[in-house]
N, C-alpha and C. Protein backbone atom coordinates (compact mmCIF):
# COMPACT_ATOMS: atom_id res chain seq x y z
N UNK A 1 -17.07 51.13 42.25
CA UNK A 1 -18.22 51.62 41.50
C UNK A 1 -19.47 50.92 42.00
N UNK A 2 -20.40 51.75 42.53
CA UNK A 2 -21.62 51.16 43.11
C UNK A 2 -22.51 50.63 42.01
N UNK A 3 -23.09 49.50 42.26
CA UNK A 3 -24.00 48.89 41.31
C UNK A 3 -25.40 48.89 41.90
N UNK A 4 -26.32 49.61 41.23
CA UNK A 4 -27.68 49.72 41.76
C UNK A 4 -28.38 48.38 41.73
N UNK A 5 -29.18 48.10 42.76
CA UNK A 5 -29.94 46.85 42.79
C UNK A 5 -31.12 46.94 41.86
N UNK A 6 -31.61 45.80 41.46
CA UNK A 6 -32.73 45.75 40.54
C UNK A 6 -34.02 45.52 41.30
N UNK A 7 -35.03 46.32 41.01
CA UNK A 7 -36.33 46.15 41.63
C UNK A 7 -37.19 45.32 40.70
N UNK A 8 -37.80 44.29 41.22
CA UNK A 8 -38.61 43.40 40.39
C UNK A 8 -39.74 44.18 39.74
N UNK A 9 -39.88 44.01 38.43
CA UNK A 9 -40.93 44.71 37.69
C UNK A 9 -41.95 43.70 37.21
N UNK A 10 -43.21 44.13 37.01
CA UNK A 10 -44.23 43.20 36.52
C UNK A 10 -43.88 42.73 35.13
N UNK A 11 -44.23 41.50 34.75
CA UNK A 11 -43.89 40.99 33.43
C UNK A 11 -44.55 41.80 32.34
N UNK A 12 -43.83 41.99 31.23
CA UNK A 12 -44.36 42.76 30.12
C UNK A 12 -45.25 41.88 29.27
N UNK A 13 -45.97 42.52 28.32
CA UNK A 13 -46.82 41.77 27.41
C UNK A 13 -45.99 40.80 26.58
N UNK A 14 -44.77 41.25 26.21
CA UNK A 14 -43.92 40.39 25.39
C UNK A 14 -43.53 39.14 26.13
N UNK A 15 -43.46 39.24 27.47
CA UNK A 15 -43.05 38.09 28.27
C UNK A 15 -44.21 37.14 28.54
N UNK A 16 -45.43 37.67 28.54
CA UNK A 16 -46.58 36.87 28.95
C UNK A 16 -47.49 36.50 27.79
N UNK A 17 -47.07 36.81 26.56
CA UNK A 17 -47.94 36.58 25.42
C UNK A 17 -48.30 35.11 25.29
N UNK A 18 -47.32 34.22 25.58
CA UNK A 18 -47.58 32.79 25.50
C UNK A 18 -46.46 32.06 26.20
N UNK A 19 -46.64 30.79 26.58
CA UNK A 19 -45.57 30.03 27.21
C UNK A 19 -44.39 29.91 26.27
N UNK A 20 -43.17 29.93 26.84
CA UNK A 20 -41.96 29.83 26.03
C UNK A 20 -41.83 28.42 25.45
N UNK A 21 -41.57 28.35 24.17
CA UNK A 21 -41.38 27.07 23.52
C UNK A 21 -39.92 26.66 23.62
N UNK A 22 -39.61 25.48 23.10
CA UNK A 22 -38.26 24.95 23.22
C UNK A 22 -37.25 25.80 22.48
N UNK A 23 -37.61 26.43 21.39
CA UNK A 23 -36.67 27.22 20.62
C UNK A 23 -37.40 28.21 19.75
N UNK A 24 -36.66 29.13 19.10
CA UNK A 24 -37.29 30.14 18.25
C UNK A 24 -37.93 29.53 17.02
N UNK A 25 -39.01 30.15 16.57
CA UNK A 25 -39.68 29.69 15.36
C UNK A 25 -39.06 30.38 14.16
N UNK A 26 -39.37 29.86 12.98
CA UNK A 26 -38.90 30.50 11.76
C UNK A 26 -39.68 31.79 11.56
N UNK A 27 -38.95 32.90 11.51
CA UNK A 27 -39.59 34.21 11.37
C UNK A 27 -38.58 35.16 10.74
N UNK A 28 -39.05 36.07 9.87
CA UNK A 28 -38.12 37.04 9.27
C UNK A 28 -37.61 38.05 10.28
N UNK A 29 -38.35 38.24 11.36
CA UNK A 29 -37.95 39.19 12.40
C UNK A 29 -37.86 38.46 13.74
N UNK A 30 -36.73 38.61 14.40
CA UNK A 30 -36.50 37.98 15.70
C UNK A 30 -36.32 39.05 16.76
N UNK A 31 -36.41 38.66 18.01
CA UNK A 31 -36.19 39.61 19.10
C UNK A 31 -35.03 39.14 19.96
N UNK A 32 -34.36 40.09 20.58
CA UNK A 32 -33.18 39.81 21.40
C UNK A 32 -33.10 40.83 22.52
N UNK A 33 -32.91 40.35 23.74
CA UNK A 33 -32.69 41.24 24.87
C UNK A 33 -31.19 41.46 24.98
N UNK A 34 -30.72 42.59 24.46
CA UNK A 34 -29.28 42.86 24.42
C UNK A 34 -28.68 42.96 25.81
N UNK A 35 -29.43 43.54 26.74
CA UNK A 35 -28.91 43.69 28.10
C UNK A 35 -28.69 42.32 28.74
N UNK A 36 -29.65 41.42 28.58
CA UNK A 36 -29.50 40.09 29.16
C UNK A 36 -28.42 39.29 28.44
N UNK A 37 -28.32 39.48 27.14
CA UNK A 37 -27.26 38.82 26.37
C UNK A 37 -25.90 39.15 26.97
N UNK A 38 -25.68 40.43 27.24
CA UNK A 38 -24.39 40.85 27.80
C UNK A 38 -24.24 40.40 29.25
N UNK A 39 -25.26 40.66 30.04
CA UNK A 39 -25.18 40.39 31.48
C UNK A 39 -25.00 38.91 31.79
N UNK A 40 -25.65 38.02 31.03
CA UNK A 40 -25.61 36.60 31.33
C UNK A 40 -24.56 35.83 30.53
N UNK A 41 -23.86 36.52 29.65
CA UNK A 41 -22.80 35.85 28.89
C UNK A 41 -21.58 35.65 29.79
N UNK A 42 -20.71 34.72 29.40
CA UNK A 42 -19.46 34.52 30.13
C UNK A 42 -18.63 35.80 30.13
N UNK A 43 -18.65 36.49 29.01
CA UNK A 43 -17.92 37.75 28.88
C UNK A 43 -18.43 38.77 29.88
N UNK A 44 -19.75 38.99 29.87
CA UNK A 44 -20.34 39.98 30.76
C UNK A 44 -20.14 39.65 32.22
N UNK A 45 -20.23 38.37 32.57
CA UNK A 45 -20.04 37.97 33.97
C UNK A 45 -18.60 38.19 34.41
N UNK A 46 -17.65 37.92 33.51
CA UNK A 46 -16.24 38.18 33.86
C UNK A 46 -16.02 39.66 34.12
N UNK A 47 -16.53 40.49 33.22
CA UNK A 47 -16.36 41.94 33.38
C UNK A 47 -16.98 42.41 34.69
N UNK A 48 -18.18 41.92 34.98
CA UNK A 48 -18.86 42.31 36.21
C UNK A 48 -18.04 41.94 37.44
N UNK A 49 -17.50 40.74 37.46
CA UNK A 49 -16.69 40.30 38.59
C UNK A 49 -15.44 41.14 38.74
N UNK A 50 -14.79 41.43 37.62
CA UNK A 50 -13.56 42.23 37.67
C UNK A 50 -13.83 43.65 38.13
N UNK A 51 -14.92 44.23 37.63
CA UNK A 51 -15.25 45.61 38.01
C UNK A 51 -15.66 45.69 39.48
N UNK A 52 -16.39 44.70 39.95
CA UNK A 52 -16.78 44.69 41.36
C UNK A 52 -15.55 44.57 42.26
N UNK A 53 -14.59 43.72 41.87
CA UNK A 53 -13.37 43.57 42.65
C UNK A 53 -12.57 44.86 42.65
N UNK A 54 -12.48 45.52 41.49
CA UNK A 54 -11.74 46.77 41.40
C UNK A 54 -12.43 47.87 42.21
N UNK A 55 -13.75 47.89 42.17
CA UNK A 55 -14.50 48.90 42.93
C UNK A 55 -14.32 48.69 44.43
N UNK A 56 -14.34 47.44 44.87
CA UNK A 56 -14.13 47.16 46.29
C UNK A 56 -12.73 47.56 46.73
N UNK A 57 -11.74 47.31 45.87
CA UNK A 57 -10.36 47.70 46.19
C UNK A 57 -10.24 49.21 46.28
N UNK A 58 -10.91 49.92 45.38
CA UNK A 58 -10.86 51.38 45.40
C UNK A 58 -11.55 51.92 46.65
N UNK A 59 -12.66 51.32 47.04
CA UNK A 59 -13.35 51.75 48.26
C UNK A 59 -12.47 51.55 49.48
N UNK A 60 -11.80 50.41 49.55
CA UNK A 60 -10.90 50.14 50.68
C UNK A 60 -9.75 51.15 50.69
N UNK A 61 -9.24 51.46 49.52
CA UNK A 61 -8.16 52.45 49.42
C UNK A 61 -8.63 53.82 49.88
N UNK A 62 -9.83 54.20 49.49
CA UNK A 62 -10.39 55.48 49.91
C UNK A 62 -10.55 55.55 51.43
N UNK A 63 -11.00 54.46 52.03
CA UNK A 63 -11.16 54.44 53.49
C UNK A 63 -9.81 54.58 54.19
N UNK A 64 -8.78 53.92 53.63
CA UNK A 64 -7.45 54.02 54.22
C UNK A 64 -6.91 55.44 54.12
N UNK A 65 -7.08 56.04 52.96
CA UNK A 65 -6.62 57.42 52.76
C UNK A 65 -7.36 58.37 53.68
N UNK A 66 -8.66 58.17 53.81
CA UNK A 66 -9.48 59.02 54.69
C UNK A 66 -8.99 58.94 56.13
N UNK A 67 -8.67 57.73 56.59
CA UNK A 67 -8.18 57.56 57.96
C UNK A 67 -6.84 58.27 58.15
N UNK A 68 -5.97 58.16 57.17
CA UNK A 68 -4.65 58.80 57.26
C UNK A 68 -4.78 60.32 57.26
N UNK A 69 -5.65 60.85 56.43
CA UNK A 69 -5.84 62.30 56.38
C UNK A 69 -6.47 62.82 57.66
N UNK A 70 -7.39 62.06 58.22
CA UNK A 70 -8.01 62.46 59.48
C UNK A 70 -6.98 62.52 60.60
N UNK A 71 -6.09 61.54 60.65
CA UNK A 71 -5.04 61.53 61.67
C UNK A 71 -4.11 62.71 61.47
N UNK A 72 -3.78 63.03 60.23
CA UNK A 72 -2.90 64.16 59.95
C UNK A 72 -3.57 65.48 60.33
N UNK A 73 -4.87 65.59 60.07
CA UNK A 73 -5.60 66.80 60.43
C UNK A 73 -5.66 66.98 61.94
N UNK A 74 -5.88 65.89 62.67
CA UNK A 74 -5.93 65.97 64.13
C UNK A 74 -4.58 66.36 64.71
N UNK A 75 -3.52 65.85 64.13
CA UNK A 75 -2.18 66.21 64.60
C UNK A 75 -1.91 67.69 64.35
N UNK A 76 -2.32 68.18 63.20
CA UNK A 76 -2.13 69.59 62.87
C UNK A 76 -2.92 70.47 63.83
N UNK A 77 -4.11 70.04 64.18
CA UNK A 77 -4.94 70.80 65.11
C UNK A 77 -4.31 70.86 66.50
N UNK A 78 -3.72 69.76 66.94
CA UNK A 78 -3.07 69.74 68.25
C UNK A 78 -1.85 70.66 68.29
N UNK A 79 -1.20 70.84 67.17
CA UNK A 79 0.00 71.67 67.11
C UNK A 79 -0.32 73.16 66.99
N UNK A 80 -1.56 73.46 66.74
CA UNK A 80 -1.93 74.83 66.42
C UNK A 80 -1.57 75.82 67.52
N UNK A 81 -1.86 75.49 68.78
CA UNK A 81 -1.62 76.43 69.88
C UNK A 81 -0.16 76.77 70.06
N UNK A 82 0.72 75.85 69.70
CA UNK A 82 2.16 76.09 69.89
C UNK A 82 2.81 76.71 68.67
N UNK A 83 2.05 77.01 67.63
CA UNK A 83 2.62 77.51 66.39
C UNK A 83 2.27 78.97 66.16
N UNK A 84 3.12 79.62 65.40
CA UNK A 84 2.83 80.98 64.95
C UNK A 84 1.63 80.92 64.01
N UNK A 85 0.68 81.85 64.13
CA UNK A 85 -0.52 81.82 63.28
C UNK A 85 -0.21 81.74 61.79
N UNK A 86 0.79 82.50 61.35
CA UNK A 86 1.13 82.49 59.93
C UNK A 86 1.67 81.12 59.51
N UNK A 87 2.47 80.53 60.39
CA UNK A 87 3.03 79.21 60.09
C UNK A 87 1.92 78.16 60.03
N UNK A 88 0.99 78.24 60.98
CA UNK A 88 -0.11 77.28 60.99
C UNK A 88 -0.98 77.44 59.74
N UNK A 89 -1.23 78.70 59.36
CA UNK A 89 -2.07 78.94 58.18
C UNK A 89 -1.42 78.34 56.92
N UNK A 90 -0.11 78.47 56.82
CA UNK A 90 0.60 77.92 55.67
C UNK A 90 0.48 76.39 55.63
N UNK A 91 0.62 75.77 56.82
CA UNK A 91 0.51 74.32 56.89
C UNK A 91 -0.92 73.86 56.59
N UNK A 92 -1.90 74.62 57.09
CA UNK A 92 -3.30 74.27 56.86
C UNK A 92 -3.65 74.37 55.38
N UNK A 93 -3.15 75.40 54.72
CA UNK A 93 -3.42 75.56 53.30
C UNK A 93 -2.76 74.45 52.48
N UNK A 94 -1.55 74.07 52.89
CA UNK A 94 -0.86 72.97 52.21
C UNK A 94 -1.63 71.66 52.38
N UNK A 95 -2.18 71.48 53.58
CA UNK A 95 -2.97 70.28 53.84
C UNK A 95 -4.23 70.26 52.97
N UNK A 96 -4.89 71.40 52.87
CA UNK A 96 -6.10 71.48 52.04
C UNK A 96 -5.78 71.16 50.58
N UNK A 97 -4.64 71.68 50.09
CA UNK A 97 -4.25 71.39 48.70
C UNK A 97 -3.99 69.90 48.51
N UNK A 98 -3.37 69.30 49.52
CA UNK A 98 -3.09 67.87 49.47
C UNK A 98 -4.40 67.07 49.39
N UNK A 99 -5.37 67.47 50.21
CA UNK A 99 -6.66 66.77 50.22
C UNK A 99 -7.34 66.88 48.86
N UNK A 100 -7.32 68.08 48.28
CA UNK A 100 -7.96 68.28 46.99
C UNK A 100 -7.29 67.47 45.89
N UNK A 101 -5.97 67.39 45.93
CA UNK A 101 -5.25 66.61 44.93
C UNK A 101 -5.57 65.12 45.05
N UNK A 102 -5.63 64.64 46.29
CA UNK A 102 -5.98 63.24 46.51
C UNK A 102 -7.39 62.96 46.03
N UNK A 103 -8.30 63.89 46.29
CA UNK A 103 -9.68 63.71 45.85
C UNK A 103 -9.77 63.63 44.33
N UNK A 104 -9.03 64.50 43.66
CA UNK A 104 -9.03 64.46 42.19
C UNK A 104 -8.44 63.15 41.67
N UNK A 105 -7.38 62.70 42.33
CA UNK A 105 -6.75 61.45 41.90
C UNK A 105 -7.70 60.26 42.06
N UNK A 106 -8.39 60.21 43.19
CA UNK A 106 -9.32 59.10 43.42
C UNK A 106 -10.54 59.19 42.51
N UNK A 107 -10.97 60.41 42.21
CA UNK A 107 -12.08 60.58 41.27
C UNK A 107 -11.69 60.09 39.88
N UNK A 108 -10.43 60.33 39.49
CA UNK A 108 -9.96 59.85 38.19
C UNK A 108 -10.01 58.32 38.14
N UNK A 109 -9.64 57.69 39.23
CA UNK A 109 -9.69 56.23 39.28
C UNK A 109 -11.13 55.73 39.12
N UNK A 110 -12.07 56.45 39.72
CA UNK A 110 -13.48 56.07 39.59
C UNK A 110 -13.93 56.20 38.14
N UNK A 111 -13.53 57.28 37.49
CA UNK A 111 -13.89 57.49 36.10
C UNK A 111 -13.25 56.45 35.19
N UNK A 112 -12.03 56.03 35.55
CA UNK A 112 -11.36 55.00 34.77
C UNK A 112 -12.13 53.68 34.83
N UNK A 113 -12.71 53.38 35.98
CA UNK A 113 -13.53 52.17 36.10
C UNK A 113 -14.75 52.25 35.19
N UNK A 114 -15.39 53.42 35.16
CA UNK A 114 -16.55 53.59 34.30
C UNK A 114 -16.16 53.46 32.83
N UNK A 115 -15.03 54.06 32.47
CA UNK A 115 -14.57 53.98 31.09
C UNK A 115 -14.23 52.53 30.72
N UNK A 116 -13.66 51.81 31.66
CA UNK A 116 -13.34 50.40 31.42
C UNK A 116 -14.61 49.59 31.18
N UNK A 117 -15.64 49.86 31.97
CA UNK A 117 -16.91 49.14 31.80
C UNK A 117 -17.49 49.41 30.41
N UNK A 118 -17.45 50.66 29.98
CA UNK A 118 -17.99 51.01 28.66
C UNK A 118 -17.17 50.38 27.54
N UNK A 119 -15.84 50.38 27.70
CA UNK A 119 -14.97 49.81 26.67
C UNK A 119 -15.19 48.30 26.54
N UNK A 120 -15.34 47.62 27.67
CA UNK A 120 -15.56 46.18 27.63
C UNK A 120 -16.91 45.85 26.99
N UNK A 121 -17.90 46.64 27.31
CA UNK A 121 -19.23 46.41 26.71
C UNK A 121 -19.17 46.59 25.19
N UNK A 122 -18.47 47.63 24.77
CA UNK A 122 -18.33 47.86 23.33
C UNK A 122 -17.59 46.70 22.67
N UNK A 123 -16.53 46.22 23.31
CA UNK A 123 -15.76 45.11 22.75
C UNK A 123 -16.61 43.85 22.65
N UNK A 124 -17.47 43.64 23.64
CA UNK A 124 -18.35 42.47 23.60
C UNK A 124 -19.25 42.50 22.38
N UNK A 125 -19.94 43.61 22.17
CA UNK A 125 -20.89 43.66 21.07
C UNK A 125 -20.19 43.63 19.71
N UNK A 126 -18.98 44.19 19.64
CA UNK A 126 -18.23 44.09 18.39
C UNK A 126 -17.90 42.63 18.08
N UNK A 127 -17.52 41.88 19.11
CA UNK A 127 -17.21 40.46 18.92
C UNK A 127 -18.47 39.64 18.66
N UNK A 128 -19.61 40.09 19.20
CA UNK A 128 -20.86 39.34 19.06
C UNK A 128 -21.54 39.56 17.70
N UNK A 129 -21.22 40.66 17.00
CA UNK A 129 -21.87 40.95 15.71
C UNK A 129 -21.88 39.75 14.76
N UNK A 130 -20.71 39.20 14.41
CA UNK A 130 -20.73 38.10 13.45
C UNK A 130 -21.44 36.85 13.97
N UNK A 131 -21.39 36.63 15.27
CA UNK A 131 -22.09 35.48 15.86
C UNK A 131 -23.60 35.64 15.68
N UNK A 132 -24.10 36.84 15.96
CA UNK A 132 -25.53 37.10 15.82
C UNK A 132 -25.97 37.02 14.36
N UNK A 133 -25.13 37.51 13.47
CA UNK A 133 -25.48 37.47 12.05
C UNK A 133 -25.57 36.03 11.54
N UNK A 134 -24.64 35.20 11.98
CA UNK A 134 -24.71 33.79 11.58
C UNK A 134 -25.97 33.12 12.13
N UNK A 135 -26.31 33.48 13.38
CA UNK A 135 -27.51 32.90 13.99
C UNK A 135 -28.76 33.33 13.23
N UNK A 136 -28.81 34.60 12.86
CA UNK A 136 -29.95 35.12 12.09
C UNK A 136 -30.05 34.40 10.75
N UNK A 137 -28.91 34.23 10.09
CA UNK A 137 -28.91 33.56 8.79
C UNK A 137 -29.35 32.10 8.93
N UNK A 138 -28.88 31.44 9.96
CA UNK A 138 -29.25 30.04 10.18
C UNK A 138 -30.75 29.88 10.40
N UNK A 139 -31.37 30.89 11.00
CA UNK A 139 -32.80 30.83 11.29
C UNK A 139 -33.65 31.39 10.15
N UNK A 140 -33.00 31.83 9.07
CA UNK A 140 -33.72 32.34 7.92
C UNK A 140 -34.37 33.69 8.16
N UNK A 141 -33.85 34.46 9.11
CA UNK A 141 -34.42 35.77 9.42
C UNK A 141 -33.62 36.87 8.72
N UNK A 142 -34.14 38.08 8.79
CA UNK A 142 -33.47 39.22 8.15
C UNK A 142 -33.19 40.35 9.13
N UNK A 143 -33.76 40.29 10.33
CA UNK A 143 -33.58 41.39 11.27
C UNK A 143 -33.79 40.92 12.71
N UNK A 144 -33.18 41.67 13.63
CA UNK A 144 -33.38 41.45 15.06
C UNK A 144 -33.86 42.76 15.67
N UNK A 145 -34.89 42.68 16.51
CA UNK A 145 -35.36 43.84 17.26
C UNK A 145 -35.01 43.64 18.73
N UNK A 146 -34.73 44.74 19.41
CA UNK A 146 -34.49 44.66 20.85
C UNK A 146 -35.83 44.35 21.52
N UNK A 147 -35.90 43.24 22.23
CA UNK A 147 -37.17 42.81 22.82
C UNK A 147 -37.72 43.80 23.82
N UNK A 148 -36.86 44.63 24.40
CA UNK A 148 -37.34 45.60 25.39
C UNK A 148 -38.11 46.74 24.74
N UNK A 149 -37.98 46.87 23.43
CA UNK A 149 -38.71 47.93 22.72
C UNK A 149 -39.94 47.40 22.00
N UNK A 150 -40.20 46.10 22.14
CA UNK A 150 -41.33 45.47 21.47
C UNK A 150 -42.52 45.40 22.42
N UNK A 151 -43.68 45.89 21.96
CA UNK A 151 -44.88 45.89 22.79
C UNK A 151 -45.46 44.49 22.92
N UNK A 152 -45.54 43.77 21.81
CA UNK A 152 -46.13 42.44 21.82
C UNK A 152 -45.42 41.56 20.80
N UNK A 153 -45.02 40.37 21.25
CA UNK A 153 -44.35 39.44 20.34
C UNK A 153 -44.46 38.03 20.89
N UNK A 154 -44.45 37.05 20.01
CA UNK A 154 -44.42 35.66 20.43
C UNK A 154 -43.08 35.39 21.11
N UNK A 155 -43.14 34.74 22.26
CA UNK A 155 -41.89 34.46 22.97
C UNK A 155 -40.97 33.56 22.16
N UNK A 156 -41.55 32.78 21.24
CA UNK A 156 -40.75 31.86 20.45
C UNK A 156 -39.87 32.55 19.41
N UNK A 157 -40.09 33.84 19.15
CA UNK A 157 -39.20 34.53 18.22
C UNK A 157 -38.04 35.18 18.95
N UNK A 158 -38.01 35.03 20.27
CA UNK A 158 -36.89 35.59 21.05
C UNK A 158 -35.71 34.62 21.00
N UNK A 159 -34.55 35.12 20.60
CA UNK A 159 -33.37 34.27 20.43
C UNK A 159 -32.31 34.54 21.49
N UNK A 160 -32.68 35.22 22.58
CA UNK A 160 -31.69 35.59 23.58
C UNK A 160 -30.95 34.38 24.14
N UNK A 161 -31.69 33.34 24.51
CA UNK A 161 -31.04 32.15 25.08
C UNK A 161 -30.08 31.51 24.07
N UNK A 162 -30.54 31.38 22.83
CA UNK A 162 -29.69 30.80 21.79
C UNK A 162 -28.47 31.67 21.53
N UNK A 163 -28.68 32.99 21.56
CA UNK A 163 -27.57 33.91 21.32
C UNK A 163 -26.52 33.80 22.43
N UNK A 164 -26.97 33.68 23.67
CA UNK A 164 -26.04 33.54 24.78
C UNK A 164 -25.19 32.28 24.60
N UNK A 165 -25.84 31.18 24.23
CA UNK A 165 -25.10 29.93 24.03
C UNK A 165 -24.08 30.07 22.91
N UNK A 166 -24.49 30.67 21.81
CA UNK A 166 -23.60 30.81 20.67
C UNK A 166 -22.43 31.75 20.97
N UNK A 167 -22.73 32.87 21.59
CA UNK A 167 -21.68 33.84 21.93
C UNK A 167 -20.69 33.23 22.91
N UNK A 168 -21.19 32.51 23.90
CA UNK A 168 -20.30 31.85 24.86
C UNK A 168 -19.38 30.86 24.15
N UNK A 169 -19.94 30.13 23.18
CA UNK A 169 -19.15 29.12 22.48
C UNK A 169 -18.07 29.74 21.60
N UNK A 170 -18.36 30.91 21.05
CA UNK A 170 -17.43 31.53 20.09
C UNK A 170 -16.41 32.44 20.76
N UNK A 171 -16.84 33.32 21.65
CA UNK A 171 -15.90 34.30 22.22
C UNK A 171 -15.57 34.02 23.68
N UNK A 172 -16.26 33.08 24.31
CA UNK A 172 -15.94 32.75 25.70
C UNK A 172 -16.10 33.94 26.62
N UNK A 173 -15.18 34.06 27.59
CA UNK A 173 -15.29 35.16 28.55
C UNK A 173 -14.59 36.42 28.07
N UNK A 174 -13.96 36.36 26.89
CA UNK A 174 -13.35 37.55 26.32
C UNK A 174 -12.13 38.04 27.05
N UNK A 175 -11.51 37.20 27.87
CA UNK A 175 -10.32 37.62 28.60
C UNK A 175 -9.22 38.06 27.65
N UNK A 176 -9.14 37.41 26.49
CA UNK A 176 -8.24 37.83 25.42
C UNK A 176 -9.09 38.21 24.23
N UNK A 177 -8.75 39.31 23.51
CA UNK A 177 -9.55 39.73 22.37
C UNK A 177 -9.75 38.61 21.37
N UNK A 178 -10.98 38.44 20.93
CA UNK A 178 -11.29 37.40 19.94
C UNK A 178 -10.76 37.81 18.58
N UNK A 179 -10.03 36.91 17.90
CA UNK A 179 -9.49 37.22 16.59
C UNK A 179 -10.60 37.24 15.55
N UNK A 180 -10.45 38.19 14.60
CA UNK A 180 -11.40 38.24 13.51
C UNK A 180 -12.76 38.76 13.89
N UNK A 181 -12.87 39.45 15.05
CA UNK A 181 -14.19 39.95 15.46
C UNK A 181 -14.11 41.39 15.91
N UNK A 182 -13.28 42.17 15.20
CA UNK A 182 -13.08 43.56 15.58
C UNK A 182 -14.24 44.43 15.16
N UNK A 183 -15.13 43.94 14.29
CA UNK A 183 -16.24 44.77 13.85
C UNK A 183 -17.34 43.93 13.27
N UNK A 184 -18.42 44.58 12.82
CA UNK A 184 -19.55 43.84 12.27
C UNK A 184 -19.20 43.14 10.98
N UNK A 185 -19.84 42.01 10.73
CA UNK A 185 -19.60 41.26 9.50
C UNK A 185 -20.45 41.85 8.38
N UNK A 186 -20.33 41.24 7.19
CA UNK A 186 -21.07 41.74 6.04
C UNK A 186 -22.56 41.80 6.32
N UNK A 187 -23.17 42.90 5.92
CA UNK A 187 -24.61 43.04 6.06
C UNK A 187 -25.03 43.82 7.28
N UNK A 188 -24.10 44.08 8.21
CA UNK A 188 -24.45 44.84 9.40
C UNK A 188 -23.96 46.26 9.24
N UNK A 189 -24.69 47.19 9.78
CA UNK A 189 -24.31 48.59 9.73
C UNK A 189 -23.44 48.93 10.92
N UNK A 190 -22.25 49.57 10.71
CA UNK A 190 -21.40 49.93 11.84
C UNK A 190 -22.16 50.73 12.87
N UNK A 191 -21.95 50.40 14.15
CA UNK A 191 -22.63 51.11 15.22
C UNK A 191 -23.98 50.54 15.57
N UNK A 192 -24.38 49.46 14.85
CA UNK A 192 -25.67 48.86 15.12
C UNK A 192 -25.49 47.38 15.36
N UNK A 193 -26.48 46.76 16.03
CA UNK A 193 -26.43 45.32 16.17
C UNK A 193 -27.05 44.69 14.93
N UNK A 194 -27.09 43.36 14.92
CA UNK A 194 -27.52 42.67 13.71
C UNK A 194 -28.94 43.03 13.30
N UNK A 195 -29.73 43.54 14.23
CA UNK A 195 -31.10 43.88 13.90
C UNK A 195 -31.28 45.32 13.53
N UNK A 196 -30.16 46.10 13.50
CA UNK A 196 -30.25 47.49 13.12
C UNK A 196 -30.45 48.41 14.29
N UNK A 197 -30.48 47.87 15.52
CA UNK A 197 -30.66 48.70 16.70
C UNK A 197 -29.34 48.82 17.41
N UNK A 198 -29.01 50.03 17.85
CA UNK A 198 -27.75 50.23 18.55
C UNK A 198 -27.76 49.46 19.84
N UNK A 199 -26.61 48.86 20.23
CA UNK A 199 -26.55 48.12 21.50
C UNK A 199 -27.01 48.98 22.65
N UNK A 200 -27.77 48.40 23.55
CA UNK A 200 -28.30 49.15 24.69
C UNK A 200 -27.19 49.62 25.57
N UNK A 201 -27.35 50.85 26.09
CA UNK A 201 -26.35 51.40 27.01
C UNK A 201 -26.67 51.02 28.43
């Protein structure tokens, strides 16, 4: 599965409003970059590494299959002059069917990788719900907004760094499902993060 590179973007107003302080201030509303929370967490990094390894293995497999099919096609072409036209046509059609079936099979594997990525992301945020809620409660806040949707905010109300530390401490890399974190804790709406915004896709 190809992973698009990131092009550096100019800093947003939310990022340049003021120098980052040592930690978040007391505020009823906090901000969180959900994408960075996932990407920089131990869980997200593990998933990324596993998916990249699986994608590389699939690419290598596709190249091997392609080489084998090319050799088979060349052999069939060399045999053409010595074969009855009807016999050659039957073999050629069988070869085409084989190629199409292999293509469908490899496409399914690609889709399985995408589905795995989505499932792991969902599992991460389900496990992170109670961690984020405890963090919000500890800071005396009532809501979290996705910082990417905020036009202007004090950088000190951003809890992304603190959230990454807390999530890492509680759920680790998520190699084994975290017990007791199958869904949001009290006060959170199913399908939403602690701030009421659906996890970023």
